[in-house]
Amino acid sequence: MKTIIPDYKKIYSDMIAEKFPEHKECHKILDKEELSQLDVIVLNNILFNNKNHNKHRSYSEETILEILRFQKKNNWNNSEVAKHFNLSRNTVTKWKKYF
């Protein structure tokens, strides 16, 4: 069975054009060839101001590694990364142990 991936580029472009025309900074992300899961998370945070209270999320291995690289590049601790990406500190700790 083939997995269908939504066209996030089209979804967010239409959403910004119709409901959030004031968010010009999103176009920089949407200009990328392909959007990663992390890009979708960032767009969601920009548009909805972290009001997404869905605690049951799953992340691909690629996205987890991207978050951990972001942490290393910015020299942030687990608490700072968790707050930035709206995660639990324990989740970040588990990811660091696993990966």
PDB file of N, CA and C in Angstrom:
ATOM      1  N   MET A   1       0.835  -1.171   0.000  1.00  0.00           N
ATOM      2  CA  MET A   1       0.000   0.000   0.000  1.00  0.00           C
ATOM      3  C   MET A   1       0.892   1.252   0.000  1.00  0.00           C
ATOM      4  N   LYS A   2       0.634   2.145  -0.910  1.00  0.00           N
ATOM      5  CA  LYS A   2       1.452   3.342  -1.068  1.00  0.00           C
ATOM      6  C   LYS A   2       0.957   4.448  -0.134  1.00  0.00           C
ATOM      7  N   THR A   3       1.893   5.093   0.550  1.00  0.00           N
ATOM      8  CA  THR A   3       1.551   6.184   1.459  1.00  0.00           C
ATOM      9  C   THR A   3       1.371   7.469   0.659  1.00  0.00           C
ATOM     10  N   ILE A   4       0.288   8.157   0.913  1.00  0.00           N
ATOM     11  CA  ILE A   4       0.009   9.419   0.231  1.00  0.00           C
ATOM     12  C   ILE A   4       0.495  10.555   1.115  1.00  0.00           C
ATOM     13  N   ILE A   5       1.377  11.385   0.563  1.00  0.00           N
ATOM     14  CA  ILE A   5       1.924  12.520   1.301  1.00  0.00           C
ATOM     15  C   ILE A   5       1.203  13.783   0.848  1.00  0.00           C
ATOM     16  N   PRO A   6       0.654  14.550   1.773  1.00  0.00           N
ATOM     17  CA  PRO A   6      -0.041  15.784   1.391  1.00  0.00           C
ATOM     18  C   PRO A   6       0.919  16.795   0.770  1.00  0.00           C
ATOM     19  N   ASP A   7       0.405  17.612  -0.116  1.00  0.00           N
ATOM     20  CA  ASP A   7       1.199  18.669  -0.741  1.00  0.00           C
ATOM     21  C   ASP A   7       1.183  19.889   0.188  1.00  0.00           C
ATOM     22  N   TYR A   8       2.082  19.870   1.178  1.00  0.00           N
ATOM     23  CA  TYR A   8       2.112  20.926   2.187  1.00  0.00           C
ATOM     24  C   TYR A   8       2.399  22.291   1.573  1.00  0.00           C
ATOM     25  N   LYS A   9       3.199  22.304   0.515  1.00  0.00           N
ATOM     26  CA  LYS A   9       3.532  23.556  -0.157  1.00  0.00           C
ATOM     27  C   LYS A   9       2.256  24.242  -0.651  1.00  0.00           C
ATOM     28  N   LYS A  10       1.413  23.497  -1.303  1.00  0.00           N
ATOM     29  CA  LYS A  10       0.150  24.024  -1.837  1.00  0.00           C
ATOM     30  C   LYS A  10      -0.800  24.392  -0.695  1.00  0.00           C
ATOM     31  N   ILE A  11      -0.891  23.535   0.292  1.00  0.00           N
ATOM     32  CA  ILE A  11      -1.789  23.778   1.421  1.00  0.00           C
ATOM     33  C   ILE A  11      -1.431  25.085   2.121  1.00  0.00           C
ATOM     34  N   TYR A  12      -0.149  25.236   2.478  1.00  0.00           N
ATOM     35  CA  TYR A  12       0.266  26.434   3.206  1.00  0.00           C
ATOM     36  C   TYR A  12       0.258  27.683   2.321  1.00  0.00           C
ATOM     37  N   SER A  13       0.574  27.540   1.035  1.00  0.00           N
ATOM     38  CA  SER A  13       0.518  28.694   0.131  1.00  0.00           C
ATOM     39  C   SER A  13      -0.903  29.232   0.048  1.00  0.00           C
ATOM     40  N   ASP A  14      -1.864  28.335  -0.126  1.00  0.00           N
ATOM     41  CA  ASP A  14      -3.270  28.750  -0.198  1.00  0.00           C
ATOM     42  C   ASP A  14      -3.738  29.352   1.122  1.00  0.00           C
ATOM     43  N   MET A  15      -3.344  28.728   2.229  1.00  0.00           N
ATOM     44  CA  MET A  15      -3.752  29.208   3.543  1.00  0.00           C
ATOM     45  C   MET A  15      -3.206  30.622   3.807  1.00  0.00           C
ATOM     46  N   ILE A  16      -1.959  30.842   3.449  1.00  0.00           N
ATOM     47  CA  ILE A  16      -1.341  32.155   3.658  1.00  0.00           C
ATOM     48  C   ILE A  16      -2.009  33.200   2.768  1.00  0.00           C
ATOM     49  N   ALA A  17      -2.275  32.833   1.520  1.00  0.00           N
ATOM     50  CA  ALA A  17      -2.904  33.776   0.593  1.00  0.00           C
ATOM     51  C   ALA A  17      -4.300  34.184   1.062  1.00  0.00           C
ATOM     52  N   GLU A  18      -5.063  33.234   1.590  1.00  0.00           N
ATOM     53  CA  GLU A  18      -6.448  33.512   1.978  1.00  0.00           C
ATOM     54  C   GLU A  18      -6.598  34.086   3.393  1.00  0.00           C
ATOM     55  N   LYS A  19      -5.902  33.495   4.360  1.00  0.00           N
ATOM     56  CA  LYS A  19      -6.154  33.852   5.759  1.00  0.00           C
ATOM     57  C   LYS A  19      -5.041  34.647   6.436  1.00  0.00           C
ATOM     58  N   PHE A  20      -3.803  34.495   5.969  1.00  0.00           N
ATOM     59  CA  PHE A  20      -2.677  35.123   6.652  1.00  0.00           C
ATOM     60  C   PHE A  20      -1.771  35.898   5.685  1.00  0.00           C
ATOM     61  N   PRO A  21      -2.298  36.858   4.920  1.00  0.00           N
ATOM     62  CA  PRO A  21      -1.451  37.570   3.955  1.00  0.00           C
ATOM     63  C   PRO A  21      -0.358  38.409   4.617  1.00  0.00           C
ATOM     64  N   GLU A  22      -0.490  38.695   5.912  1.00  0.00           N
ATOM     65  CA  GLU A  22       0.496  39.522   6.617  1.00  0.00           C
ATOM     66  C   GLU A  22       1.786  38.757   6.935  1.00  0.00           C
ATOM     67  N   HIS A  23       1.779  37.448   6.807  1.00  0.00           N
ATOM     68  CA  HIS A  23       2.957  36.631   7.128  1.00  0.00           C
ATOM     69  C   HIS A  23       3.840  36.454   5.896  1.00  0.00           C
ATOM     70  N   LYS A  24       4.618  37.471   5.594  1.00  0.00           N
ATOM     71  CA  LYS A  24       5.508  37.438   4.422  1.00  0.00           C
ATOM     72  C   LYS A  24       6.721  36.535   4.657  1.00  0.00           C
ATOM     73  N   GLU A  25       7.116  36.338   5.931  1.00  0.00           N
ATOM     74  CA  GLU A  25       8.303  35.534   6.232  1.00  0.00           C
ATOM     75  C   GLU A  25       8.115  34.058   5.870  1.00  0.00           C
ATOM     76  N   CYS A  26       6.884  33.630   5.685  1.00  0.00           N
ATOM     77  CA  CYS A  26       6.614  32.233   5.344  1.00  0.00           C
ATOM     78  C   CYS A  26       7.030  31.908   3.910  1.00  0.00           C
ATOM     79  N   HIS A  27       7.073  32.913   3.049  1.00  0.00           N
ATOM     80  CA  HIS A  27       7.407  32.672   1.647  1.00  0.00           C
ATOM     81  C   HIS A  27       8.841  32.177   1.485  1.00  0.00           C
ATOM     82  N   LYS A  28       9.717  32.578   2.403  1.00  0.00           N
ATOM     83  CA  LYS A  28      11.109  32.114   2.357  1.00  0.00           C
ATOM     84  C   LYS A  28      11.162  30.584   2.533  1.00  0.00           C
ATOM     85  N   ILE A  29      10.333  30.069   3.418  1.00  0.00           N
ATOM     86  CA  ILE A  29      10.281  28.621   3.657  1.00  0.00           C
ATOM     87  C   ILE A  29       9.596  27.921   2.486  1.00  0.00           C
ATOM     88  N   LEU A  30       8.523  28.533   1.974  1.00  0.00           N
ATOM     89  CA  LEU A  30       7.762  27.911   0.886  1.00  0.00           C
ATOM     90  C   LEU A  30       8.512  27.913  -0.444  1.00  0.00           C
ATOM     91  N   ASP A  31       9.562  28.720  -0.576  1.00  0.00           N
ATOM     92  CA  ASP A  31      10.339  28.770  -1.810  1.00  0.00           C
ATOM     93  C   ASP A  31      11.278  27.574  -1.963  1.00  0.00           C
ATOM     94  N   LYS A  32      11.402  26.763  -0.928  1.00  0.00           N
ATOM     95  CA  LYS A  32      12.260  25.580  -0.995  1.00  0.00           C
ATOM     96  C   LYS A  32      11.683  24.569  -1.988  1.00  0.00           C
ATOM     97  N   GLU A  33      12.578  23.740  -2.522  1.00  0.00           N
ATOM     98  CA  GLU A  33      12.171  22.699  -3.463  1.00  0.00           C
ATOM     99  C   GLU A  33      11.182  21.721  -2.806  1.00  0.00           C
ATOM    100  N   GLU A  34      11.563  21.223  -1.626  1.00  0.00           N
ATOM    101  CA  GLU A  34      10.706  20.307  -0.862  1.00  0.00           C
ATOM    102  C   GLU A  34      10.640  20.778   0.576  1.00  0.00           C
ATOM    103  N   LEU A  35       9.490  20.611   1.211  1.00  0.00           N
ATOM    104  CA  LEU A  35       9.335  20.980   2.616  1.00  0.00           C
ATOM    105  C   LEU A  35       9.575  19.749   3.487  1.00  0.00           C
ATOM    106  N   SER A  36      10.397  19.901   4.498  1.00  0.00           N
ATOM    107  CA  SER A  36      10.618  18.816   5.450  1.00  0.00           C
ATOM    108  C   SER A  36       9.539  18.912   6.537  1.00  0.00           C
ATOM    109  N   GLN A  37       9.480  17.906   7.379  1.00  0.00           N
ATOM    110  CA  GLN A  37       8.527  17.952   8.491  1.00  0.00           C
ATOM    111  C   GLN A  37       8.838  19.117   9.412  1.00  0.00           C
ATOM    112  N   LEU A  38      10.109  19.413   9.571  1.00  0.00           N
ATOM    113  CA  LEU A  38      10.505  20.527  10.420  1.00  0.00           C
ATOM    114  C   LEU A  38      10.024  21.854   9.836  1.00  0.00           C
ATOM    115  N   ASP A  39      10.071  21.993   8.518  1.00  0.00           N
ATOM    116  CA  ASP A  39       9.552  23.205   7.864  1.00  0.00           C
ATOM    117  C   ASP A  39       8.056  23.357   8.122  1.00  0.00           C
ATOM    118  N   VAL A  40       7.338  22.252   8.075  1.00  0.00           N
ATOM    119  CA  VAL A  40       5.891  22.283   8.331  1.00  0.00           C
ATOM    120  C   VAL A  40       5.620  22.697   9.777  1.00  0.00           C
ATOM    121  N   ILE A  41       6.430  22.205  10.704  1.00  0.00           N
ATOM    122  CA  ILE A  41       6.278  22.577  12.109  1.00  0.00           C
ATOM    123  C   ILE A  41       6.542  24.062  12.293  1.00  0.00           C
ATOM    124  N   VAL A  42       7.595  24.567  11.660  1.00  0.00           N
ATOM    125  CA  VAL A  42       7.932  25.989  11.767  1.00  0.00           C
ATOM    126  C   VAL A  42       6.814  26.850  11.180  1.00  0.00           C
ATOM    127  N   LEU A  43       6.309  26.477  10.010  1.00  0.00           N
ATOM    128  CA  LEU A  43       5.198  27.225   9.401  1.00  0.00           C
ATOM    129  C   LEU A  43       3.975  27.228  10.318  1.00  0.00           C
ATOM    130  N   ASN A  44       3.674  26.085  10.879  1.00  0.00           N
ATOM    131  CA  ASN A  44       2.536  25.979  11.786  1.00  0.00           C
ATOM    132  C   ASN A  44       2.709  26.893  12.995  1.00  0.00           C
ATOM    133  N   ASN A  45       3.916  26.919  13.554  1.00  0.00           N
ATOM    134  CA  ASN A  45       4.193  27.781  14.711  1.00  0.00           C
ATOM    135  C   ASN A  45       4.076  29.254  14.351  1.00  0.00           C
ATOM    136  N   ILE A  46       4.540  29.639  13.163  1.00  0.00           N
ATOM    137  CA  ILE A  46       4.452  31.035  12.734  1.00  0.00           C
ATOM    138  C   ILE A  46       2.986  31.445  12.563  1.00  0.00           C
ATOM    139  N   LEU A  47       2.227  30.621  11.884  1.00  0.00           N
ATOM    140  CA  LEU A  47       0.844  30.984  11.568  1.00  0.00           C
ATOM    141  C   LEU A  47      -0.089  30.925  12.769  1.00  0.00           C
ATOM    142  N   PHE A  48       0.111  29.949  13.629  1.00  0.00           N
ATOM    143  CA  PHE A  48      -0.835  29.747  14.727  1.00  0.00           C
ATOM    144  C   PHE A  48      -0.259  30.074  16.091  1.00  0.00           C
ATOM    145  N   ASN A  49       0.909  30.677  16.146  1.00  0.00           N
ATOM    146  CA  ASN A  49       1.526  31.123  17.404  1.00  0.00           C
ATOM    147  C   ASN A  49       1.576  30.031  18.467  1.00  0.00           C
ATOM    148  N   ASN A  50       2.016  28.844  18.081  1.00  0.00           N
ATOM    149  CA  ASN A  50       2.143  27.708  19.017  1.00  0.00           C
ATOM    150  C   ASN A  50       0.844  27.354  19.715  1.00  0.00           C
ATOM    151  N   LYS A  51      -0.294  27.600  19.093  1.00  0.00           N
ATOM    152  CA  LYS A  51      -1.577  27.283  19.725  1.00  0.00           C
ATOM    153  C   LYS A  51      -2.024  25.858  19.446  1.00  0.00           C
ATOM    154  N   ASN A  52      -1.183  25.094  18.797  1.00  0.00           N
ATOM    155  CA  ASN A  52      -1.502  23.701  18.513  1.00  0.00           C
ATOM    156  C   ASN A  52      -1.252  22.877  19.771  1.00  0.00           C
ATOM    157  N   HIS A  53      -2.302  22.411  20.401  1.00  0.00           N
ATOM    158  CA  HIS A  53      -2.178  21.685  21.659  1.00  0.00           C
ATOM    159  C   HIS A  53      -2.214  20.176  21.469  1.00  0.00           C
ATOM    160  N   ASN A  54      -2.017  19.725  20.253  1.00  0.00           N
ATOM    161  CA  ASN A  54      -2.017  18.302  19.981  1.00  0.00           C
ATOM    162  C   ASN A  54      -0.725  17.691  20.530  1.00  0.00           C
ATOM    163  N   LYS A  55      -0.818  16.932  21.588  1.00  0.00           N
ATOM    164  CA  LYS A  55       0.356  16.350  22.224  1.00  0.00           C
ATOM    165  C   LYS A  55       0.751  15.005  21.615  1.00  0.00           C
ATOM    166  N   HIS A  56      -0.083  14.453  20.769  1.00  0.00           N
ATOM    167  CA  HIS A  56       0.190  13.139  20.183  1.00  0.00           C
ATOM    168  C   HIS A  56       0.727  13.324  18.769  1.00  0.00           C
ATOM    169  N   ARG A  57       2.023  13.620  18.701  1.00  0.00           N
ATOM    170  CA  ARG A  57       2.669  13.828  17.415  1.00  0.00           C
ATOM    171  C   ARG A  57       3.715  12.751  17.216  1.00  0.00           C
ATOM    172  N   SER A  58       4.041  12.509  15.971  1.00  0.00           N
ATOM    173  CA  SER A  58       5.138  11.586  15.694  1.00  0.00           C
ATOM    174  C   SER A  58       6.089  12.270  14.727  1.00  0.00           C
ATOM    175  N   TYR A  59       7.361  11.986  14.877  1.00  0.00           N
ATOM    176  CA  TYR A  59       8.398  12.605  14.073  1.00  0.00           C
ATOM    177  C   TYR A  59       9.188  11.522  13.368  1.00  0.00           C
ATOM    178  N   SER A  60       9.557  11.787  12.139  1.00  0.00           N
ATOM    179  CA  SER A  60      10.386  10.834  11.410  1.00  0.00           C
ATOM    180  C   SER A  60      11.818  10.917  11.941  1.00  0.00           C
ATOM    181  N   GLU A  61      12.590   9.909  11.649  1.00  0.00           N
ATOM    182  CA  GLU A  61      13.983   9.884  12.090  1.00  0.00           C
ATOM    183  C   GLU A  61      14.740  11.073  11.512  1.00  0.00           C
ATOM    184  N   GLU A  62      14.447  11.418  10.272  1.00  0.00           N
ATOM    185  CA  GLU A  62      15.094  12.555   9.614  1.00  0.00           C
ATOM    186  C   GLU A  62      14.808  13.872  10.355  1.00  0.00           C
ATOM    187  N   THR A  63      13.565  14.057  10.777  1.00  0.00           N
ATOM    188  CA  THR A  63      13.189  15.270  11.497  1.00  0.00           C
ATOM    189  C   THR A  63      13.836  15.333  12.874  1.00  0.00           C
ATOM    190  N   ILE A  64      13.883  14.197  13.546  1.00  0.00           N
ATOM    191  CA  ILE A  64      14.528  14.138  14.868  1.00  0.00           C
ATOM    192  C   ILE A  64      16.000  14.520  14.746  1.00  0.00           C
ATOM    193  N   LEU A  65      16.665  13.955  13.756  1.00  0.00           N
ATOM    194  CA  LEU A  65      18.083  14.271  13.558  1.00  0.00           C
ATOM    195  C   LEU A  65      18.274  15.742  13.200  1.00  0.00           C
ATOM    196  N   GLU A  66      17.344  16.312  12.444  1.00  0.00           N
ATOM    197  CA  GLU A  66      17.420  17.723  12.095  1.00  0.00           C
ATOM    198  C   GLU A  66      17.260  18.603  13.342  1.00  0.00           C
ATOM    199  N   ILE A  67      16.363  18.218  14.229  1.00  0.00           N
ATOM    200  CA  ILE A  67      16.175  18.957  15.484  1.00  0.00           C
ATOM    201  C   ILE A  67      17.430  18.857  16.344  1.00  0.00           C
ATOM    202  N   LEU A  68      18.025  17.671  16.417  1.00  0.00           N
ATOM    203  CA  LEU A  68      19.240  17.496  17.214  1.00  0.00           C
ATOM    204  C   LEU A  68      20.428  18.259  16.609  1.00  0.00           C
ATOM    205  N   ARG A  69      20.495  18.321  15.274  1.00  0.00           N
ATOM    206  CA  ARG A  69      21.542  19.129  14.626  1.00  0.00           C
ATOM    207  C   ARG A  69      21.334  20.612  14.924  1.00  0.00           C
ATOM    208  N   PHE A  70      20.080  21.040  14.910  1.00  0.00           N
ATOM    209  CA  PHE A  70      19.738  22.426  15.236  1.00  0.00           C
ATOM    210  C   PHE A  70      20.204  22.753  16.653  1.00  0.00           C
ATOM    211  N   GLN A  71      19.980  21.820  17.575  1.00  0.00           N
ATOM    212  CA  GLN A  71      20.397  22.012  18.964  1.00  0.00           C
ATOM    213  C   GLN A  71      21.922  22.155  19.057  1.00  0.00           C
ATOM    214  N   LYS A  72      22.626  21.289  18.365  1.00  0.00           N
ATOM    215  CA  LYS A  72      24.088  21.327  18.420  1.00  0.00           C
ATOM    216  C   LYS A  72      24.638  22.601  17.781  1.00  0.00           C
ATOM    217  N   LYS A  73      24.064  22.988  16.650  1.00  0.00           N
ATOM    218  CA  LYS A  73      24.523  24.177  15.931  1.00  0.00           C
ATOM    219  C   LYS A  73      24.340  25.446  16.769  1.00  0.00           C
ATOM    220  N   ASN A  74      23.222  25.528  17.488  1.00  0.00           N
ATOM    221  CA  ASN A  74      22.926  26.714  18.288  1.00  0.00           C
ATOM    222  C   ASN A  74      23.441  26.612  19.716  1.00  0.00           C
ATOM    223  N   ASN A  75      24.046  25.458  20.041  1.00  0.00           N
ATOM    224  CA  ASN A  75      24.595  25.227  21.375  1.00  0.00           C
ATOM    225  C   ASN A  75      23.540  25.441  22.466  1.00  0.00           C
ATOM    226  N   TRP A  76      22.372  24.845  22.240  1.00  0.00           N
ATOM    227  CA  TRP A  76      21.267  24.954  23.188  1.00  0.00           C
ATOM    228  C   TRP A  76      21.206  23.716  24.062  1.00  0.00           C
ATOM    229  N   ASN A  77      20.641  23.878  25.268  1.00  0.00           N
ATOM    230  CA  ASN A  77      20.425  22.708  26.119  1.00  0.00           C
ATOM    231  C   ASN A  77      19.065  22.093  25.783  1.00  0.00           C
ATOM    232  N   ASN A  78      18.752  20.962  26.417  1.00  0.00           N
ATOM    233  CA  ASN A  78      17.507  20.246  26.114  1.00  0.00           C
ATOM    234  C   ASN A  78      16.267  21.083  26.406  1.00  0.00           C
ATOM    235  N   SER A  79      16.310  21.872  27.465  1.00  0.00           N
ATOM    236  CA  SER A  79      15.157  22.705  27.831  1.00  0.00           C
ATOM    237  C   SER A  79      14.858  23.751  26.764  1.00  0.00           C
ATOM    238  N   GLU A  80      15.906  24.365  26.236  1.00  0.00           N
ATOM    239  CA  GLU A  80      15.724  25.398  25.214  1.00  0.00           C
ATOM    240  C   GLU A  80      15.156  24.819  23.924  1.00  0.00           C
ATOM    241  N   VAL A  81      15.668  23.665  23.524  1.00  0.00           N
ATOM    242  CA  VAL A  81      15.172  23.006  22.314  1.00  0.00           C
ATOM    243  C   VAL A  81      13.723  22.571  22.503  1.00  0.00           C
ATOM    244  N   ALA A  82      13.434  21.996  23.658  1.00  0.00           N
ATOM    245  CA  ALA A  82      12.081  21.532  23.947  1.00  0.00           C
ATOM    246  C   ALA A  82      11.088  22.692  23.896  1.00  0.00           C
ATOM    247  N   LYS A  83      11.459  23.806  24.466  1.00  0.00           N
ATOM    248  CA  LYS A  83      10.579  24.973  24.463  1.00  0.00           C
ATOM    249  C   LYS A  83      10.394  25.523  23.047  1.00  0.00           C
ATOM    250  N   HIS A  84      11.475  25.567  22.278  1.00  0.00           N
ATOM    251  CA  HIS A  84      11.432  26.100  20.923  1.00  0.00           C
ATOM    252  C   HIS A  84      10.520  25.279  20.015  1.00  0.00           C
ATOM    253  N   PHE A  85      10.600  23.944  20.127  1.00  0.00           N
ATOM    254  CA  PHE A  85       9.824  23.058  19.272  1.00  0.00           C
ATOM    255  C   PHE A  85       8.567  22.522  19.948  1.00  0.00           C
ATOM    256  N   ASN A  86       8.253  23.043  21.124  1.00  0.00           N
ATOM    257  CA  ASN A  86       7.059  22.638  21.863  1.00  0.00           C
ATOM    258  C   ASN A  86       7.068  21.126  22.134  1.00  0.00           C
ATOM    259  N   LEU A  87       8.178  20.661  22.699  1.00  0.00           N
ATOM    260  CA  LEU A  87       8.364  19.252  23.038  1.00  0.00           C
ATOM    261  C   LEU A  87       8.586  19.111  24.532  1.00  0.00           C
ATOM    262  N   SER A  88       8.657  17.897  24.983  1.00  0.00           N
ATOM    263  CA  SER A  88       9.011  17.605  26.359  1.00  0.00           C
ATOM    264  C   SER A  88      10.539  17.489  26.455  1.00  0.00           C
ATOM    265  N   ARG A  89      11.094  17.934  27.578  1.00  0.00           N
ATOM    266  CA  ARG A  89      12.544  17.778  27.787  1.00  0.00           C
ATOM    267  C   ARG A  89      12.918  16.309  27.775  1.00  0.00           C
ATOM    268  N   ASN A  90      12.036  15.477  28.326  1.00  0.00           N
ATOM    269  CA  ASN A  90      12.301  14.037  28.358  1.00  0.00           C
ATOM    270  C   ASN A  90      12.362  13.447  26.955  1.00  0.00           C
ATOM    271  N   THR A  91      11.541  13.970  26.064  1.00  0.00           N
ATOM    272  CA  THR A  91      11.555  13.494  24.677  1.00  0.00           C
ATOM    273  C   THR A  91      12.896  13.799  24.036  1.00  0.00           C
ATOM    274  N   VAL A  92      13.387  15.020  24.217  1.00  0.00           N
ATOM    275  CA  VAL A  92      14.675  15.410  23.644  1.00  0.00           C
ATOM    276  C   VAL A  92      15.787  14.540  24.230  1.00  0.00           C
ATOM    277  N   THR A  93      15.741  14.278  25.529  1.00  0.00           N
ATOM    278  CA  THR A  93      16.744  13.432  26.183  1.00  0.00           C
ATOM    279  C   THR A  93      16.720  12.017  25.602  1.00  0.00           C
ATOM    280  N   LYS A  94      15.531  11.458  25.419  1.00  0.00           N
ATOM    281  CA  LYS A  94      15.406  10.113  24.847  1.00  0.00           C
ATOM    282  C   LYS A  94      15.983  10.078  23.436  1.00  0.00           C
ATOM    283  N   TRP A  95      15.666  11.101  22.651  1.00  0.00           N
ATOM    284  CA  TRP A  95      16.180  11.159  21.285  1.00  0.00           C
ATOM    285  C   TRP A  95      17.701  11.192  21.280  1.00  0.00           C
ATOM    286  N   LYS A  96      18.285  11.964  22.187  1.00  0.00           N
ATOM    287  CA  LYS A  96      19.746  12.067  22.227  1.00  0.00           C
ATOM    288  C   LYS A  96      20.373  10.727  22.610  1.00  0.00           C
ATOM    289  N   LYS A  97      19.735   9.991  23.515  1.00  0.00           N
ATOM    290  CA  LYS A  97      20.252   8.672  23.904  1.00  0.00           C
ATOM    291  C   LYS A  97      20.130   7.683  22.754  1.00  0.00           C
ATOM    292  N   TYR A  98      18.998   7.747  22.050  1.00  0.00           N
ATOM    293  CA  TYR A  98      18.720   6.788  20.988  1.00  0.00           C
ATOM    294  C   TYR A  98      19.548   7.067  19.747  1.00  0.00           C
ATOM    295  N   PHE A  99      19.689   8.341  19.390  1.00  0.00           N
ATOM    296  CA  PHE A  99      20.395   8.687  18.151  1.00  0.00           C
ATOM    297  C   PHE A  99      21.777   9.180  18.477  1.00  0.00           C
TER     298      PHE A  99
END
